[in-house]
């Protein structure tokens, strides 16, 4: 029964607002059925069921993909939501009996996976799963590396040992770590103290790049007009020695070897230089230069081409050059512009790496700082949400593990970190 007529017993008000409200309520009483949100014919979709997750038991958080097998999923991928505890994963593919999902970046040993499907009132029952970290601070393994210890450039030697330049305990050193036991679940234990891992007592500089050559020596640059080298054998305990001294005004910050044994050097300079590592006289070690007036912060030799990340007219640009057997750079090619292609005119690229498929990885100061450049020229942010900016150094081990140096971020000091890339690197011609 309608009770709106009771409103007319109130005294009239000057504004007439009450009368208008009564009329609206009266109209509402007469049309209840037409405006009801209740659908007596509605039937909920069936509750989704999770039966199995592949890989079984655990996988890496925030990267790649897992497959959830079950029942009552939607073939429309946007109609499925997958939660890892309270964080959502990204549904990449969908069918009624399985979902391909990039897991959320929230590692833990007891993650509850739940699926909800549009049209179904109930979530799936919880399915326990483990997500291991895709990125780890190296000092979690070597706890003697304190927050005050500042890492810079790193690389690996021919035996797969990590070589890292670290300012530690008031002195600077090249440290060598056996990382052969690092497994797919990012587990490793390093015992001892700084002196147990010191390979060479090098000077206190912000070393920008380091590469090991065919002669077993480690070559280092520090954004000055020189290239140094040091014997990374802990039994020798020798400091660095001057290897090459370039013309005034040329500051070198990047190195790499090619398949012919040439050492390439670049920086904030007038050219890209080829150096002869067999030459003992540092004044004679520079044997070739390619005019290249830019601030080049990283280079990497991959599949016959030398890639260079250079700042040109204020923009981060990536170029590549063909390297001839005679050691000349030809066939200049523009690969990517962070300003024009990414819309990131103020970005800085500090590091370059490559995987065994020839894809290039650029480490930068973007919010998602790693950009992958495929061989077909396309690009994408690599594992967004996993890395913190800025990435200033790369060094890829013999397995799936890349070692990176990340600048201070959010109050956390500059860190040496380990990343499970789930792929192997391109050849390091100085050691492979």
Protein backbone atom coordinates (compact mmCIF):
# COMPACT_ATOMS: atom_id res chain seq x y z
CA UNK A 1 0.00 0.00 0.00
CA UNK A 2 1.18 3.51 -0.79
CA UNK A 3 1.75 5.81 2.22
CA UNK A 4 2.86 8.97 0.45
CA UNK A 5 -0.50 10.69 1.11
CA UNK A 6 0.59 11.24 4.74
CA UNK A 7 2.98 13.90 3.57
CA UNK A 8 0.04 16.22 2.66
CA UNK A 9 -0.83 16.57 6.35
CA UNK A 10 2.20 18.82 6.92
CA UNK A 11 1.70 22.60 6.91
CA UNK A 12 2.57 24.21 3.56
CA UNK A 13 6.03 25.74 3.25
CA UNK A 14 6.77 28.90 1.34
CA UNK A 15 9.27 27.31 -0.97
CA UNK A 16 6.95 24.57 -2.13
CA UNK A 17 9.87 22.12 -1.90
CA UNK A 18 7.98 19.73 0.36
CA UNK A 19 5.05 19.59 -2.05
CA UNK A 20 7.39 18.77 -4.92
CA UNK A 21 9.03 16.01 -2.88
CA UNK A 22 5.58 14.56 -2.06
CA UNK A 23 4.73 14.43 -5.71
CA UNK A 24 7.93 12.62 -6.54
CA UNK A 25 7.39 10.08 -3.79
CA UNK A 26 3.82 9.55 -4.88
CA UNK A 27 4.99 8.91 -8.42
CA UNK A 28 7.57 6.48 -7.12
CA UNK A 29 4.96 4.49 -5.25
CA UNK A 30 2.90 4.04 -8.36
CA UNK A 31 5.81 2.72 -10.46
CA UNK A 32 7.77 0.50 -8.04
CA UNK A 33 7.81 -2.47 -10.41
CA UNK A 34 9.13 -0.51 -13.38
CA UNK A 35 12.15 0.86 -11.46
CA UNK A 36 13.14 -2.20 -9.44
CA UNK A 37 16.79 -3.31 -9.68
CA UNK A 38 15.85 -6.84 -8.77
CA UNK A 39 15.86 -9.29 -11.69
CA UNK A 40 13.88 -12.36 -10.71
CA UNK A 41 15.25 -14.16 -13.80
CA UNK A 42 18.93 -13.54 -12.95
CA UNK A 43 21.17 -16.60 -12.60
CA UNK A 44 24.79 -16.33 -11.43
CA UNK A 45 27.51 -17.81 -13.55
CA UNK A 46 29.19 -20.91 -12.21
CA UNK A 47 31.89 -20.48 -9.59
CA UNK A 48 35.35 -20.67 -11.21
CA UNK A 49 37.56 -23.56 -10.10
CA UNK A 50 41.39 -23.63 -9.94
CA UNK A 51 42.72 -27.19 -10.28
CA UNK A 52 46.41 -26.68 -11.05
CA UNK A 53 49.05 -24.03 -11.72
CA UNK A 54 51.99 -24.60 -14.05
CA UNK A 55 54.87 -24.40 -13.16
CA UNK A 56 53.89 -26.50 -10.19
CA UNK A 57 54.43 -25.17 -6.68
CA UNK A 58 56.22 -21.88 -7.32
CA UNK A 59 57.42 -19.38 -9.88
CA UNK A 60 59.02 -15.95 -10.17
CA UNK A 61 57.00 -12.91 -9.10
CA UNK A 62 56.13 -10.12 -11.51
CA UNK A 63 57.60 -11.58 -14.71
CA UNK A 64 56.89 -13.91 -17.61
CA UNK A 65 53.77 -16.07 -17.20
CA UNK A 66 52.13 -18.98 -15.43
CA UNK A 67 49.17 -21.10 -16.61
CA UNK A 68 46.17 -21.65 -14.35
CA UNK A 69 44.15 -24.75 -15.27
CA UNK A 70 40.58 -25.12 -14.07
CA UNK A 71 36.93 -24.72 -14.96
CA UNK A 72 34.35 -22.01 -15.67
CA UNK A 73 36.75 -19.31 -16.83
CA UNK A 74 35.70 -16.84 -19.52
CA UNK A 75 37.32 -17.02 -22.97
CA UNK A 76 37.22 -13.19 -22.90
CA UNK A 77 40.46 -12.38 -21.05
CA UNK A 78 39.13 -9.06 -19.72
CA UNK A 79 36.28 -10.90 -18.02
CA UNK A 80 38.69 -12.72 -15.71
CA UNK A 81 40.51 -11.23 -12.73
CA UNK A 82 43.30 -13.16 -11.00
CA UNK A 83 44.48 -12.14 -7.53
CA UNK A 84 47.69 -13.09 -5.77
CA UNK A 85 46.67 -12.30 -2.21
CA UNK A 86 45.37 -8.74 -2.70
CA UNK A 87 47.40 -7.90 -5.82
CA UNK A 88 46.14 -8.51 -9.33
CA UNK A 89 48.08 -10.33 -12.00
CA UNK A 90 47.77 -9.58 -15.70
CA UNK A 91 45.68 -12.01 -17.76
CA UNK A 92 47.49 -12.52 -21.07
CA UNK A 93 45.39 -15.30 -22.63
CA UNK A 94 42.07 -16.89 -21.68
CA UNK A 95 40.04 -20.00 -22.42
CA UNK A 96 37.25 -21.75 -20.51
CA UNK A 97 39.68 -24.26 -19.00
CA UNK A 98 42.89 -22.21 -18.56
CA UNK A 99 44.30 -18.73 -18.06
CA UNK A 100 47.79 -17.50 -18.94
CA UNK A 101 48.77 -14.88 -16.38
CA UNK A 102 51.73 -12.67 -15.50
CA UNK A 103 51.84 -13.02 -11.72
CA UNK A 104 51.76 -10.00 -9.44
CA UNK A 105 55.08 -8.71 -8.14
CA UNK A 106 54.52 -9.71 -4.51
CA UNK A 107 56.88 -12.59 -3.61
CA UNK A 108 55.94 -14.84 -0.72
CA UNK A 109 55.93 -18.51 0.23
CA UNK A 110 52.18 -18.71 0.85
CA UNK A 111 50.40 -16.66 -1.79
CA UNK A 112 46.67 -17.32 -2.16
CA UNK A 113 45.58 -17.33 -5.80
CA UNK A 114 41.91 -16.58 -6.50
CA UNK A 115 39.99 -16.13 -9.76
CA UNK A 116 36.80 -14.18 -10.29
CA UNK A 117 34.83 -14.19 -13.53
CA UNK A 118 32.34 -11.58 -14.71
CA UNK A 119 28.82 -12.83 -14.09
CA UNK A 120 29.80 -15.24 -11.31
CA UNK A 121 28.95 -14.24 -7.75
CA UNK A 122 31.69 -16.28 -6.10
CA UNK A 123 35.47 -16.28 -6.31
CA UNK A 124 37.25 -19.56 -6.83
CA UNK A 125 38.49 -21.30 -3.72
CA UNK A 126 41.97 -20.16 -2.65
CA UNK A 127 44.92 -22.02 -4.19
CA UNK A 128 48.23 -21.79 -2.32
CA UNK A 129 51.26 -20.90 -4.43
CA UNK A 130 54.79 -19.55 -3.91
CA UNK A 131 56.23 -16.55 -5.72
CA UNK A 132 59.97 -16.05 -5.46
CA UNK A 133 61.65 -12.65 -5.99
CA UNK A 134 62.69 -11.72 -9.52
CA UNK A 135 65.10 -9.14 -8.12
CA UNK A 136 67.22 -9.27 -4.97
CA UNK A 137 69.70 -6.99 -3.23
CA UNK A 138 73.14 -8.58 -3.37
CA UNK A 139 73.78 -7.67 0.26
CA UNK A 140 70.98 -10.11 1.17
CA UNK A 141 73.52 -12.79 0.22
CA UNK A 142 76.66 -10.99 1.41
CA UNK A 143 75.44 -9.25 4.56
CA UNK A 144 78.86 -7.72 5.20
CA UNK A 145 78.10 -5.31 2.33
CA UNK A 146 76.59 -2.46 4.32
CA UNK A 147 74.24 0.27 3.16
CA UNK A 148 77.17 2.67 3.26
CA UNK A 149 79.08 0.54 0.73
CA UNK A 150 78.57 2.06 -2.70
CA UNK A 151 78.66 -0.23 -5.78
CA UNK A 152 79.37 1.00 -9.29
CA UNK A 153 80.39 -0.96 -12.41
CA UNK A 154 80.30 -4.76 -12.53
CA UNK A 155 80.96 -7.62 -14.94
CA UNK A 156 81.85 -11.33 -14.93
CA UNK A 157 85.06 -13.15 -15.74
CA UNK A 158 85.61 -16.27 -17.89
CA UNK A 159 84.73 -18.53 -14.94
CA UNK A 160 81.46 -16.76 -14.26
CA UNK A 161 82.65 -14.94 -11.14
CA UNK A 162 81.08 -11.58 -10.43
CA UNK A 163 83.55 -8.68 -10.46
CA UNK A 164 82.15 -5.56 -8.80
CA UNK A 165 83.70 -2.21 -7.99
CA UNK A 166 82.53 -1.27 -4.49
CA UNK A 167 83.48 1.46 -2.07
CA UNK A 168 83.61 -0.50 1.17
CA UNK A 169 84.75 0.25 4.71
CA UNK A 170 86.48 3.47 3.69
CA UNK A 171 88.55 2.02 0.84
CA UNK A 172 87.75 1.14 -2.75
CA UNK A 173 88.18 -2.27 -4.26
CA UNK A 174 87.46 -4.64 -7.11
CA UNK A 175 85.69 -7.56 -5.44
CA UNK A 176 85.28 -11.07 -6.82
CA UNK A 177 82.36 -13.31 -5.82
CA UNK A 178 81.69 -16.92 -6.76
CA UNK A 179 78.02 -16.86 -7.82
CA UNK A 180 77.93 -20.31 -9.41
CA UNK A 181 75.54 -21.58 -6.72
CA UNK A 182 72.93 -18.93 -7.48
CA UNK A 183 69.85 -20.99 -8.40
CA UNK A 184 66.62 -20.33 -10.21
CA UNK A 185 64.91 -19.34 -6.97
CA UNK A 186 67.46 -16.59 -6.30
CA UNK A 187 69.01 -18.42 -3.36
CA UNK A 188 72.71 -17.94 -2.55
CA UNK A 189 74.86 -17.67 0.56
CA UNK A 190 78.14 -15.78 0.73
CA UNK A 191 80.07 -15.98 3.99
CA UNK A 192 83.05 -14.02 5.19
CA UNK A 193 84.03 -10.36 5.09
CA UNK A 194 85.27 -7.74 2.65
CA UNK A 195 88.88 -8.88 2.70
CA UNK A 196 87.85 -12.44 1.76
CA UNK A 197 86.60 -11.22 -1.62
CA UNK A 198 88.97 -8.39 -2.50
CA UNK A 199 90.51 -9.04 -5.93
CA UNK A 200 92.38 -5.75 -6.35
CA UNK A 201 92.73 -2.59 -4.21
CA UNK A 202 91.84 -0.04 -6.89
CA UNK A 203 91.49 3.69 -6.27
CA UNK A 204 88.38 5.38 -4.95
CA UNK A 205 86.61 6.47 -8.14
CA UNK A 206 83.10 6.09 -9.48
CA UNK A 207 84.07 3.47 -12.07
CA UNK A 208 81.55 3.61 -14.90
CA UNK A 209 82.28 0.41 -16.80
CA UNK A 210 84.42 -2.70 -16.57
CA UNK A 211 85.10 -5.54 -19.03
CA UNK A 212 87.43 -8.55 -18.87
CA UNK A 213 89.56 -9.09 -21.96
CA UNK A 214 91.03 -12.17 -23.67
CA UNK A 215 94.24 -11.54 -21.68
CA UNK A 216 92.34 -12.04 -18.42
CA UNK A 217 92.84 -8.43 -17.40
CA UNK A 218 89.94 -6.24 -16.25
CA UNK A 219 89.66 -2.93 -18.12
CA UNK A 220 88.00 -0.02 -16.31
CA UNK A 221 86.87 3.52 -17.10
CA UNK A 222 85.83 6.32 -14.77
CA UNK A 223 84.58 9.15 -17.01
CA UNK A 224 88.08 10.57 -17.50
CA UNK A 225 90.37 10.64 -20.53
CA UNK A 226 91.98 7.33 -19.62
CA UNK A 227 91.39 3.58 -19.57
CA UNK A 228 92.89 1.56 -16.73
CA UNK A 229 93.42 -2.15 -16.32
CA UNK A 230 93.99 -4.43 -13.37
CA UNK A 231 94.69 -8.10 -12.75
CA UNK A 232 91.55 -9.50 -11.06
CA UNK A 233 93.48 -12.42 -9.53
CA UNK A 234 93.22 -12.10 -5.71
CA UNK A 235 96.63 -13.78 -5.39
CA UNK A 236 98.25 -10.82 -7.14
CA UNK A 237 96.56 -7.99 -5.18
CA UNK A 238 97.82 -5.35 -7.58
CA UNK A 239 96.29 -1.92 -8.12
CA UNK A 240 95.21 -0.55 -11.49
CA UNK A 241 97.64 0.65 -14.15
CA UNK A 242 97.17 3.16 -16.94
CA UNK A 243 96.39 1.41 -20.21
CA UNK A 244 95.29 4.17 -22.60
CA UNK A 245 95.40 7.95 -22.43
CA UNK A 246 93.18 9.82 -24.89
CA UNK A 247 93.24 13.35 -26.23
CA UNK A 248 92.27 16.16 -23.87
CA UNK A 249 88.53 16.83 -23.65
CA UNK A 250 87.55 13.18 -24.20
CA UNK A 251 85.99 11.48 -21.17
CA UNK A 252 85.54 7.71 -21.47
CA UNK A 253 82.71 5.90 -19.64
CA UNK A 254 81.89 2.79 -21.72
CA UNK A 255 83.77 -0.30 -22.94
CA UNK A 256 83.19 -3.53 -24.84
CA UNK A 257 85.11 -6.17 -26.83
CA UNK A 258 84.15 -7.45 -30.27
CA UNK A 259 84.66 -10.91 -31.76
CA UNK A 260 87.95 -9.84 -33.36
CA UNK A 261 89.52 -8.96 -30.01
CA UNK A 262 89.19 -5.19 -30.45
CA UNK A 263 88.41 -3.13 -27.34
CA UNK A 264 85.98 -0.28 -28.07
CA UNK A 265 85.77 2.81 -25.84
CA UNK A 266 83.32 5.72 -25.87
CA UNK A 267 82.10 8.54 -23.66
CA UNK A 268 81.61 12.28 -23.66
CA UNK A 269 84.05 12.55 -26.50
CA UNK A 270 84.63 13.49 -30.10
CA UNK A 271 84.85 9.89 -31.27
CA UNK A 272 84.39 6.17 -30.57
CA UNK A 273 87.83 4.61 -30.14
CA UNK A 274 89.32 1.21 -30.88
CA UNK A 275 92.16 0.19 -28.59
CA UNK A 276 94.87 -2.44 -29.00
CA UNK A 277 95.11 -4.54 -25.81
CA UNK A 278 98.39 -6.09 -27.01
CA UNK A 279 100.07 -2.68 -26.89
CA UNK A 280 102.12 -2.01 -23.75
CA UNK A 281 102.76 1.66 -24.50
CA UNK A 282 99.62 3.55 -23.50
CA UNK A 283 100.48 6.33 -25.97
CA UNK A 284 100.27 3.80 -28.83
CA UNK A 285 97.19 1.85 -27.71
CA UNK A 286 94.65 4.01 -29.58
CA UNK A 287 94.73 2.72 -33.15
CA UNK A 288 91.43 3.92 -34.67
CA UNK A 289 88.69 6.43 -34.02
CA UNK A 290 85.26 7.01 -35.55
CA UNK A 291 84.04 10.60 -35.41
CA UNK A 292 81.08 10.65 -33.04
CA UNK A 293 80.55 13.91 -31.21
CA UNK A 294 78.12 12.87 -28.46
CA UNK A 295 77.89 11.92 -24.81
CA UNK A 296 77.90 8.12 -25.07
CA UNK A 297 77.25 6.45 -21.73
CA UNK A 298 77.04 2.79 -22.83
CA UNK A 299 78.11 0.51 -25.69
CA UNK A 300 77.51 -3.19 -26.41
CA UNK A 301 78.73 -5.38 -29.28
CA UNK A 302 76.05 -7.81 -30.53
CA UNK A 303 75.84 -9.90 -33.72
CA UNK A 304 78.47 -7.96 -35.63
CA UNK A 305 77.23 -4.52 -34.61
CA UNK A 306 78.33 -2.05 -31.96
CA UNK A 307 75.36 -0.42 -30.20
CA UNK A 308 75.83 3.00 -28.60
CA UNK A 309 73.51 4.82 -26.19
CA UNK A 310 74.34 8.48 -26.82
CA UNK A 311 72.94 11.81 -25.73
CA UNK A 312 72.56 13.94 -28.85
CA UNK A 313 71.01 17.42 -28.72
CA UNK A 314 69.68 16.63 -25.25
CA UNK A 315 67.89 13.40 -26.24
CA UNK A 316 68.81 9.79 -25.48
CA UNK A 317 69.38 8.03 -28.81
CA UNK A 318 70.52 4.51 -29.60
CA UNK A 319 72.58 3.87 -32.73
CA UNK A 320 74.39 0.85 -34.09
CA UNK A 321 77.40 0.40 -36.39
CA UNK A 322 78.69 -2.49 -38.41
CA UNK A 323 82.14 -3.61 -37.18
CA UNK A 324 84.47 -4.82 -39.89
CA UNK A 325 87.15 -7.46 -39.34
CA UNK A 326 89.71 -4.70 -39.85
CA UNK A 327 88.19 -2.83 -36.91
CA UNK A 328 86.31 -0.02 -38.59
CA UNK A 329 82.79 1.24 -37.90
CA UNK A 330 80.53 1.47 -40.95
CA UNK A 331 76.80 1.43 -41.84
CA UNK A 332 75.52 3.76 -39.12
CA UNK A 333 71.89 2.98 -38.19
CA UNK A 334 69.50 4.82 -35.87
CA UNK A 335 67.76 2.27 -33.63
CA UNK A 336 65.61 4.15 -31.10
CA UNK A 337 64.89 7.68 -29.90
CA UNK A 338 63.69 8.01 -26.32
CA UNK A 339 62.28 11.45 -27.20
CA UNK A 340 60.53 10.60 -30.48
CA UNK A 341 59.63 6.93 -29.98
CA UNK A 342 58.96 6.79 -26.22
CA UNK A 343 57.96 10.40 -25.67
CA UNK A 344 60.65 10.67 -22.96
CA UNK A 345 62.68 13.69 -23.99
CA UNK A 346 64.44 14.04 -20.62
CA UNK A 347 65.43 10.38 -20.22
CA UNK A 348 69.05 9.32 -19.71
CA UNK A 349 70.33 5.87 -20.73
CA UNK A 350 73.24 4.65 -18.61
CA UNK A 351 73.65 0.97 -19.55
CA UNK A 352 73.21 -1.48 -22.43
CA UNK A 353 72.98 -5.27 -22.44
CA UNK A 354 71.82 -7.98 -24.85
CA UNK A 355 70.33 -11.47 -24.62
CA UNK A 356 71.18 -14.52 -26.68
CA UNK A 357 68.36 -13.71 -29.15
CA UNK A 358 69.94 -10.35 -29.91
CA UNK A 359 67.40 -8.24 -28.01
CA UNK A 360 68.90 -5.08 -26.50
CA UNK A 361 68.20 -3.85 -22.96
CA UNK A 362 68.64 -0.18 -22.09
CA UNK A 363 68.94 0.81 -18.43
CA UNK A 364 67.70 4.33 -17.75
CA UNK A 365 66.23 6.75 -15.23
CA UNK A 366 62.60 6.21 -16.33
CA UNK A 367 60.05 5.08 -13.74
CA UNK A 368 60.13 1.67 -15.46
CA UNK A 369 63.82 1.96 -16.24
CA UNK A 370 64.54 -1.07 -18.46
CA UNK A 371 63.50 -0.90 -22.12
CA UNK A 372 63.78 -3.96 -24.36
CA UNK A 373 64.48 -3.36 -28.05
CA UNK A 374 63.68 -6.35 -30.25
CA UNK A 375 65.54 -7.30 -33.41
CA UNK A 376 62.61 -6.17 -35.56
CA UNK A 377 62.97 -2.65 -34.14
CA UNK A 378 59.94 -2.76 -31.83
CA UNK A 379 60.36 -1.90 -28.16
CA UNK A 380 58.57 -2.33 -24.83
CA UNK A 381 59.10 -1.61 -21.15
CA UNK A 382 60.70 -4.77 -19.76
CA UNK A 383 58.98 -6.26 -16.68
CA UNK A 384 57.23 -3.02 -15.67
CA UNK A 385 56.84 -2.58 -11.93
CA UNK A 386 59.83 -4.81 -11.11
CA UNK A 387 62.76 -2.38 -11.38
CA UNK A 388 63.31 0.88 -9.52
CA UNK A 389 65.12 3.78 -11.21
CA UNK A 390 67.75 4.60 -12.10
CA UNK A 391 69.70 1.65 -13.52
CA UNK A 392 73.28 2.82 -14.06
CA UNK A 393 75.18 -0.44 -14.74
CA UNK A 394 74.54 -3.92 -16.18
CA UNK A 395 76.66 -7.07 -15.99
CA UNK A 396 75.18 -10.41 -17.11
CA UNK A 397 76.43 -13.68 -15.62
CA UNK A 398 76.82 -17.04 -17.32
CA UNK A 399 73.24 -18.11 -16.52
CA UNK A 400 69.95 -16.25 -16.36
CA UNK A 401 71.17 -13.71 -13.84
CA UNK A 402 71.94 -10.09 -14.57
CA UNK A 403 73.76 -7.97 -12.01
CA UNK A 404 72.66 -4.35 -11.97
CA UNK A 405 73.58 -1.21 -10.10
CA UNK A 406 70.59 0.86 -9.07
CA UNK A 407 70.99 4.43 -7.83
CA UNK A 408 69.65 5.57 -4.46
CA UNK A 409 65.86 5.32 -4.57
CA UNK A 410 63.25 6.35 -2.03
CA UNK A 411 65.81 6.60 0.75
CA UNK A 412 67.32 3.19 -0.04
CA UNK A 413 71.04 3.58 -0.81
CA UNK A 414 72.70 2.72 -4.11
CA UNK A 415 72.51 -1.06 -4.48
CA UNK A 416 74.09 -3.94 -6.35
CA UNK A 417 71.16 -6.19 -7.29
CA UNK A 418 70.58 -9.56 -8.94
CA UNK A 419 67.80 -10.05 -11.52
CA UNK A 420 66.38 -13.34 -12.76
CA UNK A 421 66.09 -12.51 -16.48
CA UNK A 422 64.86 -16.02 -17.40
CA UNK A 423 67.05 -15.93 -20.48
CA UNK A 424 70.75 -15.98 -21.20
CA UNK A 425 72.97 -13.16 -22.36
CA UNK A 426 74.63 -12.55 -25.68
CA UNK A 427 78.30 -13.45 -25.97
CA UNK A 428 80.90 -11.45 -24.05
CA UNK A 429 83.72 -11.64 -26.59
CA UNK A 430 86.39 -10.75 -24.08
CA UNK A 431 85.76 -13.97 -22.13
CA UNK A 432 83.55 -16.38 -24.15
